[in-house]
Amino acid sequence: MTPNDSMVKAKKDLERTARLIQCLPFDMAREQYGMAVHLGLFQRSMLAWAKFERRMDLLEKLTLGPWARRV
C-alpha cells in the first residue's frame, strides 16, 4: 500500500466516522423511543413506530441534508 493509498483510506474512514457521529442523536432518539415502549410509557404499536420513524427520517434529512443516511 502506497502512502497515497493510506491517505485516501484515512480520508474515507474519517468521513464515515463523521457521518456516523452526525447521525448519533437520531439513533439515540430511536433507542429512547424503544425503551419508552418497553417500559410501557408509550403504546406498543407498529403504526405508532412507523409514524415516529417517518418523523425521525424527515428530521434527519432536514438537519443533515446531503449527509443524511439513505436506505
C-alpha atoms as a PDB file:
ATOM      1  CA  MET A   1       0.000   0.000   0.000  1.00  0.00           C
ATOM      2  CA  THR A   2       1.460   3.327  -1.036  1.00  0.00           C
ATOM      3  CA  PRO A   3       1.371   6.440   1.160  1.00  0.00           C
ATOM      4  CA  ASN A   4      -1.230   7.915  -1.192  1.00  0.00           C
ATOM      5  CA  ASP A   5      -3.482   4.855  -0.762  1.00  0.00           C
ATOM      6  CA  SER A   6      -3.148   5.200   3.001  1.00  0.00           C
ATOM      7  CA  MET A   7      -4.176   8.847   2.811  1.00  0.00           C
ATOM      8  CA  VAL A   8      -7.222   8.018   0.679  1.00  0.00           C
ATOM      9  CA  LYS A   9      -8.249   5.233   3.076  1.00  0.00           C
ATOM     10  CA  ALA A  10      -7.767   7.512   6.108  1.00  0.00           C
ATOM     11  CA  LYS A  11      -9.873  10.219   4.458  1.00  0.00           C
ATOM     12  CA  LYS A  12     -12.694   7.772   3.711  1.00  0.00           C
ATOM     13  CA  ASP A  13     -12.559   6.404   7.264  1.00  0.00           C
ATOM     14  CA  LEU A  14     -12.692   9.931   8.694  1.00  0.00           C
ATOM     15  CA  GLU A  15     -15.683  10.840   6.510  1.00  0.00           C
ATOM     16  CA  ARG A  16     -17.517   7.673   7.574  1.00  0.00           C
ATOM     17  CA  THR A  17     -16.801   8.359  11.249  1.00  0.00           C
ATOM     18  CA  ALA A  18     -18.013  11.958  10.936  1.00  0.00           C
ATOM     19  CA  ARG A  19     -21.213  10.781   9.229  1.00  0.00           C
ATOM     20  CA  LEU A  20     -21.883   8.241  11.986  1.00  0.00           C
ATOM     21  CA  ILE A  21     -21.301  10.860  14.687  1.00  0.00           C
ATOM     22  CA  GLN A  22     -23.736  13.228  12.976  1.00  0.00           C
ATOM     23  CA  CYS A  23     -26.400  10.509  12.943  1.00  0.00           C
ATOM     24  CA  LEU A  24     -25.894   9.597  16.604  1.00  0.00           C
ATOM     25  CA  PRO A  25     -28.603  11.925  18.030  1.00  0.00           C
ATOM     26  CA  PHE A  26     -31.209  10.364  15.729  1.00  0.00           C
ATOM     27  CA  ASP A  27     -30.156   6.844  16.697  1.00  0.00           C
ATOM     28  CA  MET A  28     -30.336   7.825  20.359  1.00  0.00           C
ATOM     29  CA  ALA A  29     -33.874   9.169  19.878  1.00  0.00           C
ATOM     30  CA  ARG A  30     -34.903   5.883  18.256  1.00  0.00           C
ATOM     31  CA  GLU A  31     -33.358   3.944  21.136  1.00  0.00           C
ATOM     32  CA  GLN A  32     -35.110   6.104  23.717  1.00  0.00           C
ATOM     33  CA  TYR A  33     -38.449   5.624  21.962  1.00  0.00           C
ATOM     34  CA  GLY A  34     -37.906   1.873  22.025  1.00  0.00           C
ATOM     35  CA  MET A  35     -37.055   1.951  25.731  1.00  0.00           C
ATOM     36  CA  ALA A  36     -40.153   4.059  26.453  1.00  0.00           C
ATOM     37  CA  VAL A  37     -42.298   1.462  24.681  1.00  0.00           C
ATOM     38  CA  HIS A  38     -40.536  -1.319  26.573  1.00  0.00           C
ATOM     39  CA  LEU A  39     -41.234   0.442  29.890  1.00  0.00           C
ATOM     40  CA  GLY A  40     -44.888   0.938  28.968  1.00  0.00           C
ATOM     41  CA  LEU A  41     -44.737   4.730  28.630  1.00  0.00           C
ATOM     42  CA  PHE A  42     -45.901   4.502  25.017  1.00  0.00           C
ATOM     43  CA  GLN A  43     -48.316   2.054  23.464  1.00  0.00           C
ATOM     44  CA  ARG A  44     -46.734  -0.881  21.639  1.00  0.00           C
ATOM     45  CA  SER A  45     -47.918  -0.244  18.094  1.00  0.00           C
ATOM     46  CA  MET A  46     -46.407  -0.835  14.677  1.00  0.00           C
ATOM     47  CA  LEU A  47     -48.356   2.147  13.323  1.00  0.00           C
ATOM     48  CA  ALA A  48     -47.044   4.464  16.043  1.00  0.00           C
ATOM     49  CA  TRP A  49     -43.485   3.243  15.419  1.00  0.00           C
ATOM     50  CA  ALA A  50     -43.857   3.817  11.671  1.00  0.00           C
ATOM     51  CA  LYS A  51     -45.149   7.346  12.280  1.00  0.00           C
ATOM     52  CA  PHE A  52     -42.272   8.071  14.677  1.00  0.00           C
ATOM     53  CA  GLU A  53     -39.745   6.628  12.229  1.00  0.00           C
ATOM     54  CA  ARG A  54     -41.067   8.766   9.359  1.00  0.00           C
ATOM     55  CA  ARG A  55     -40.746  11.861  11.542  1.00  0.00           C
ATOM     56  CA  MET A  56     -37.194  10.951  12.569  1.00  0.00           C
ATOM     57  CA  ASP A  57     -36.239  10.253   8.966  1.00  0.00           C
ATOM     58  CA  LEU A  58     -37.613  13.610   7.846  1.00  0.00           C
ATOM     59  CA  LEU A  59     -35.888  15.430  10.700  1.00  0.00           C
ATOM     60  CA  GLU A  60     -32.605  13.696   9.880  1.00  0.00           C
ATOM     61  CA  LYS A  61     -32.882  14.659   6.209  1.00  0.00           C
ATOM     62  CA  LEU A  62     -33.790  18.271   7.029  1.00  0.00           C
ATOM     63  CA  THR A  63     -30.974  18.573   9.550  1.00  0.00           C
ATOM     64  CA  LEU A  64     -28.164  16.776   7.732  1.00  0.00           C
ATOM     65  CA  GLY A  65     -29.189  17.443   4.141  1.00  0.00           C
ATOM     66  CA  PRO A  66     -26.984  15.542   1.690  1.00  0.00           C
ATOM     67  CA  TRP A  67     -25.139  13.841   4.576  1.00  0.00           C
ATOM     68  CA  ALA A  68     -28.291  12.095   5.839  1.00  0.00           C
ATOM     69  CA  ARG A  69     -28.430   8.322   5.549  1.00  0.00           C
ATOM     70  CA  ARG A  70     -30.351   6.759   2.717  1.00  0.00           C
ATOM     71  CA  VAL A  71     -31.963   3.335   2.644  1.00  0.00           C
END
